[in-house]
Every structure is written in C-alpha cells, then in structure tokens.
Amino acid sequence: INEEQSDNNNPFPDYVYNQEKEQGVYGQSDMAIAENGYYYIIDNILYFYNIDSDINMPLCSKVNCRHNDNTCDAYVSTINTENGTFECNCMGEKIMYYNGSIYCIEVTKDRDYYLCQYDATFGNKERITKLASVKDEQIMVSDAQACLISDGYMYYYASYLDSKYAENDYTASFYACRIKLDNNSSREVLGEFQFPGDYAMKAGQSNGFSIYFTDNSIYFYA
C-alpha cells in the first residue's frame, strides 16, 4: 500500500497525538493510546488498531496461531481472585503506553509487583522496577486500573496488609505513590490515608480509586 492510499484509509486524518494529554484523558480506560492507534485487550489477547492503515491485529508473530490461549505471543493473564491465583503478567489487564513502550504490572507467585516494559509490538520484556512486595513488606498494589503515567512517572495506589485488619473495623492504610520509569528506581509515597478495605476492593468502579491528570497536576481520588 502506498502513502497516498494509506492517508485515504485513515478515518481520523486530523488526529494529532499528545502524549501527556492522552495519558491524562485515557489513563483510567481499558485502552492505551499511541501515536498512530491504540492498544486494547479482548479475551486475554492484546490487540493494536492502526488508525493510519485502518488495520486491527493481535500482537503476535506466530504463524498459524489462533490467538485464543496462552501459547499466543499476545496473551496476557490477569489475577483470578475466585480461585486464589495471583500470578500474572498483566495485572487487571491494564495496558499503558509511554515514549514508544508498553507498560504492564506483573505479579509473581510470591506477590511481588513489578513494572514491566515492552517494545511497541509487545516484545523484549524487561522488568523496570519493583512497585511493592507482599512477601518482603506486606504492601501490595491496590488496583492496576487506578494507575497513570505522566512526565516520566507512574502514579498508583498501594496498601498495607495489616494482620489486625479485622480488629481495626476493616480499615486499611493506603498510600498514594509514584515511581520513576527508570531501572531499579524506588517508590515515593506522596500521601497516606485510612480507607475501608471493603470499599477499596471495588477499586476501578464508580466508588473505587482513580487517578486523574489535568493542568499539569495529578489528582488521587478515593
């Protein structure tokens, strides 16, 4: 296909990508906006829709792959709380895109939470930094959907798993955090608050947690 044909197929010819704006507007959504399209997940498979060519495809390079199970290169797994399975490579099916890279939160079997970076085709995975650890510090990432990348940082909520949680009327300690998108960087705690844990479990819903970007400011909402 030549360039003229590609331009004619583009259904959004006036679209201009603004990295910071797109992260702020779509940070809480189930998609990630890139320069020439967007990433989204259906049935645990990561797809990319290219607005220049008007082509939609799973991010898998395997020949004859059916793109319907964990053998697919585009497969993402998420936490299944019903059967107690926490290990996953994309917590909450939350995909983030920033500076030409895809970001996901990986959870290990020991409940370590890592920020992972992929290239734009969902390849060349690299663990950038640890966000939290249940094994080492009794702290977990509260909800993947309540995350946002802006100005080279990822903003997220973390919570402390207190052994006296029930005795404290099911009220837990939560932290508003950010971490720089650099190898082995450390999280910064921007604020701490107490919140009923049963409401916190509904994070991502209308009465859960969110993070918003506007006018060069970050807002944590609970």
Protein backbone atom coordinates (compact mmCIF):
# COMPACT_ATOMS: atom_id res chain seq x y z
CA ILE A 1 0.00 0.00 0.00
CA ASN A 2 1.43 3.40 -0.91
CA GLU A 3 1.41 6.52 1.28
CA GLU A 4 -1.44 8.16 -0.63
CA GLN A 5 -3.67 5.10 -0.20
CA SER A 6 -2.77 4.91 3.49
CA ASP A 7 -3.78 8.53 4.01
CA ASN A 8 -7.07 7.89 2.24
CA ASN A 9 -7.81 4.92 4.50
CA ASN A 10 -7.14 6.86 7.69
CA PRO A 11 -10.55 7.52 9.27
CA PHE A 12 -9.02 10.14 11.62
CA PRO A 13 -6.87 12.37 9.34
CA ASP A 14 -6.96 15.33 11.77
CA TYR A 15 -5.79 13.37 14.80
CA VAL A 16 -2.66 14.80 16.48
CA TYR A 17 -1.06 12.73 19.23
CA ASN A 18 -0.29 14.50 22.52
CA GLN A 19 1.41 12.05 24.87
CA GLU A 20 0.69 13.78 28.19
CA LYS A 21 -2.87 14.66 27.26
CA GLU A 22 -3.71 11.15 26.09
CA GLN A 23 -2.38 9.63 29.32
CA GLY A 24 -4.48 12.04 31.36
CA VAL A 25 -7.68 11.58 29.41
CA TYR A 26 -7.48 7.82 28.89
CA GLY A 27 -5.43 6.83 31.94
CA GLN A 28 -8.40 5.12 33.61
CA SER A 29 -9.70 3.39 30.48
CA ASP A 30 -9.21 -0.15 29.19
CA MET A 31 -7.05 1.01 26.30
CA ALA A 32 -3.69 2.70 25.77
CA ILE A 33 -3.36 5.47 23.19
CA ALA A 34 -0.29 5.57 20.92
CA GLU A 35 0.88 7.91 18.14
CA ASN A 36 -0.86 6.01 15.36
CA GLY A 37 -3.50 3.92 17.10
CA TYR A 38 -4.45 2.24 20.34
CA TYR A 39 -3.90 -0.97 22.30
CA TYR A 40 -6.71 -2.95 23.92
CA ILE A 41 -7.37 -6.44 25.30
CA ILE A 42 -10.17 -8.86 24.39
CA ASP A 43 -10.34 -12.37 25.91
CA ASN A 44 -6.80 -12.07 27.30
CA ILE A 45 -5.31 -11.20 23.88
CA LEU A 46 -3.62 -7.84 23.27
CA TYR A 47 -4.61 -6.10 20.02
CA PHE A 48 -3.44 -2.97 18.26
CA TYR A 49 -5.61 -0.88 15.96
CA ASN A 50 -3.57 1.20 13.49
CA ILE A 51 -5.51 4.32 12.51
CA ASP A 52 -3.16 5.05 9.57
CA SER A 53 -3.82 1.75 7.80
CA ASP A 54 -7.23 1.02 9.41
CA ILE A 55 -5.92 -2.44 10.36
CA ASN A 56 -6.68 -4.24 13.61
CA MET A 57 -4.43 -7.15 14.70
CA PRO A 58 -3.29 -9.19 17.72
CA LEU A 59 0.33 -8.50 18.68
CA CYS A 60 1.53 -12.00 17.81
CA SER A 61 4.07 -13.01 15.18
CA LYS A 62 3.48 -16.78 15.28
CA VAL A 63 2.45 -18.39 12.01
CA ASN A 64 -0.96 -20.13 12.11
CA CYS A 65 -1.60 -19.01 15.69
CA ARG A 66 -5.30 -18.98 16.60
CA HIS A 67 -4.78 -16.26 19.24
CA ASN A 68 -7.05 -17.95 21.76
CA ASP A 69 -4.82 -19.35 24.54
CA ASN A 70 -1.59 -18.83 26.46
CA THR A 71 0.57 -20.10 23.59
CA CYS A 72 -0.13 -16.85 21.73
CA ASP A 73 2.56 -14.15 21.92
CA ALA A 74 -0.18 -11.59 22.58
CA TYR A 75 -1.65 -13.48 25.55
CA VAL A 76 -1.96 -11.62 28.84
CA SER A 77 -3.04 -13.18 32.10
CA THR A 78 -4.68 -11.35 34.96
CA ILE A 79 -5.33 -12.07 38.63
CA ASN A 80 -8.13 -14.54 39.31
CA THR A 81 -9.35 -13.90 42.85
CA GLU A 82 -12.01 -16.62 42.63
CA ASN A 83 -9.52 -19.47 42.65
CA GLY A 84 -6.78 -17.63 44.52
CA THR A 85 -4.44 -17.38 41.53
CA PHE A 86 -2.46 -14.15 41.80
CA GLU A 87 0.46 -14.73 39.44
CA CYS A 88 0.00 -12.80 36.19
CA ASN A 89 1.91 -10.82 33.57
CA CYS A 90 -0.65 -8.01 33.19
CA MET A 91 -2.49 -7.17 36.42
CA GLY A 92 -6.07 -6.09 35.82
CA GLU A 93 -5.47 -6.20 32.04
CA LYS A 94 -4.11 -2.69 32.44
CA ILE A 95 -2.04 -1.61 29.42
CA MET A 96 -0.12 1.67 29.47
CA TYR A 97 1.83 3.26 26.61
CA TYR A 98 4.51 5.91 27.03
CA ASN A 99 7.51 7.06 24.94
CA GLY A 100 7.20 4.20 22.46
CA SER A 101 6.93 1.45 25.09
CA ILE A 102 4.11 -0.65 26.57
CA TYR A 103 3.91 -1.00 30.35
CA CYS A 104 2.15 -3.65 32.47
CA ILE A 105 2.22 -4.66 36.14
CA GLU A 106 3.49 -8.20 36.68
CA VAL A 107 2.63 -10.15 39.85
CA THR A 108 4.83 -13.11 40.80
CA LYS A 109 3.79 -16.18 42.79
CA ASP A 110 5.40 -14.56 45.86
CA ARG A 111 3.19 -11.47 45.32
CA ASP A 112 5.99 -9.18 44.18
CA TYR A 113 4.65 -6.40 41.97
CA TYR A 114 6.92 -5.34 39.10
CA LEU A 115 6.53 -2.63 36.49
CA CYS A 116 7.43 -4.28 33.18
CA GLN A 117 8.34 -2.57 29.92
CA TYR A 118 7.79 -4.00 26.42
CA ASP A 119 8.50 -2.61 22.99
CA ALA A 120 5.63 -1.37 20.83
CA THR A 121 5.00 -4.90 19.49
CA PHE A 122 4.69 -6.44 22.99
CA GLY A 123 8.16 -7.98 22.76
CA ASN A 124 11.53 -7.60 24.55
CA LYS A 125 10.06 -7.66 28.05
CA GLU A 126 12.11 -6.02 30.80
CA ARG A 127 11.38 -5.65 34.50
CA ILE A 128 11.96 -1.97 35.22
CA THR A 129 11.43 -1.75 38.97
CA LYS A 130 9.56 -3.28 41.90
CA LEU A 131 6.38 -1.41 42.89
CA ALA A 132 5.56 -3.33 46.07
CA SER A 133 6.00 -6.71 47.76
CA VAL A 134 3.66 -8.70 49.97
CA LYS A 135 6.44 -11.16 50.82
CA ASP A 136 9.01 -8.55 51.87
CA GLU A 137 6.94 -5.67 53.25
CA GLN A 138 3.26 -6.66 53.37
CA ILE A 139 2.43 -3.99 50.75
CA MET A 140 0.50 -4.61 47.54
CA VAL A 141 -0.56 -2.58 44.52
CA SER A 142 -4.22 -1.87 45.26
CA ASP A 143 -5.65 -1.83 41.76
CA ALA A 144 -4.00 -1.80 38.35
CA GLN A 145 -6.77 0.21 36.73
CA ALA A 146 -6.10 3.09 39.12
CA CYS A 147 -2.68 3.83 37.58
CA LEU A 148 -1.48 6.63 35.34
CA ILE A 149 1.80 7.53 33.60
CA SER A 150 2.76 11.18 33.26
CA ASP A 151 6.00 13.16 32.95
CA GLY A 152 8.18 10.06 33.25
CA TYR A 153 6.49 8.69 36.39
CA MET A 154 3.85 6.07 37.08
CA TYR A 155 1.30 7.04 39.74
CA TYR A 156 -0.51 4.30 41.66
CA TYR A 157 -2.09 3.22 44.95
CA ALA A 158 -0.51 0.76 47.37
CA SER A 159 -2.00 -0.71 50.53
CA TYR A 160 -0.64 -2.29 53.70
CA LEU A 161 -1.85 -5.79 54.59
CA ASP A 162 -2.26 -5.37 58.33
CA SER A 163 -2.64 -8.56 60.36
CA LYS A 164 -5.04 -6.62 62.63
CA TYR A 165 -7.19 -5.59 59.69
CA ALA A 166 -10.39 -7.13 61.11
CA GLU A 167 -9.73 -5.69 64.57
CA ASN A 168 -9.46 -2.22 63.01
CA ASP A 169 -13.03 -2.39 61.68
CA TYR A 170 -11.71 -3.47 58.26
CA THR A 171 -9.98 -0.13 57.77
CA ALA A 172 -6.63 -0.28 55.98
CA SER A 173 -3.73 2.06 55.29
CA PHE A 174 -3.38 3.20 51.70
CA TYR A 175 -0.58 5.14 50.03
CA ALA A 176 -0.62 7.50 47.08
CA CYS A 177 2.64 6.66 45.30
CA ARG A 178 4.69 7.42 42.24
CA ILE A 179 7.79 5.79 40.78
CA LYS A 180 10.16 6.98 38.07
CA LEU A 181 10.31 4.97 34.84
CA ASP A 182 13.96 4.08 35.43
CA ASN A 183 15.65 0.79 36.22
CA ASN A 184 15.58 -0.05 39.94
CA SER A 185 14.01 3.24 40.97
CA SER A 186 12.29 3.45 44.36
CA ARG A 187 8.70 4.43 45.01
CA GLU A 188 7.87 7.77 46.55
CA VAL A 189 4.93 7.98 48.96
CA LEU A 190 3.11 11.23 48.25
CA GLY A 191 0.40 10.73 50.85
CA GLU A 192 -1.16 8.24 53.26
CA PHE A 193 -4.76 7.76 54.32
CA GLN A 194 -7.11 5.31 56.02
CA PHE A 195 -9.91 3.77 53.98
CA PRO A 196 -12.49 0.97 54.49
CA GLY A 197 -10.99 -2.04 52.75
CA ASP A 198 -14.33 -3.44 51.58
CA TYR A 199 -14.86 -0.30 49.51
CA ALA A 200 -11.27 -0.42 48.31
CA MET A 201 -11.88 -3.88 46.85
CA LYS A 202 -14.25 -2.18 44.40
CA ALA A 203 -11.40 -0.08 43.00
CA GLY A 204 -11.93 0.85 39.39
CA GLN A 205 -15.67 1.12 39.82
CA SER A 206 -17.58 4.35 40.34
CA ASN A 207 -16.97 4.24 44.10
CA GLY A 208 -13.39 2.98 43.92
CA PHE A 209 -9.98 4.59 43.39
CA SER A 210 -8.90 6.69 40.43
CA ILE A 211 -6.01 8.95 39.42
CA TYR A 212 -6.50 11.89 37.08
CA PHE A 213 -4.23 14.31 35.27
CA THR A 214 -5.25 17.86 34.38
CA ASP A 215 -3.49 21.21 34.05
CA ASN A 216 -0.14 19.62 34.92
CA SER A 217 -1.47 18.32 38.25
CA ILE A 218 -2.14 14.77 39.49
CA TYR A 219 -5.29 14.05 41.48
CA PHE A 220 -5.74 10.91 43.61
CA TYR A 221 -9.43 10.14 44.14
CA ALA A 222 -10.98 7.64 46.55
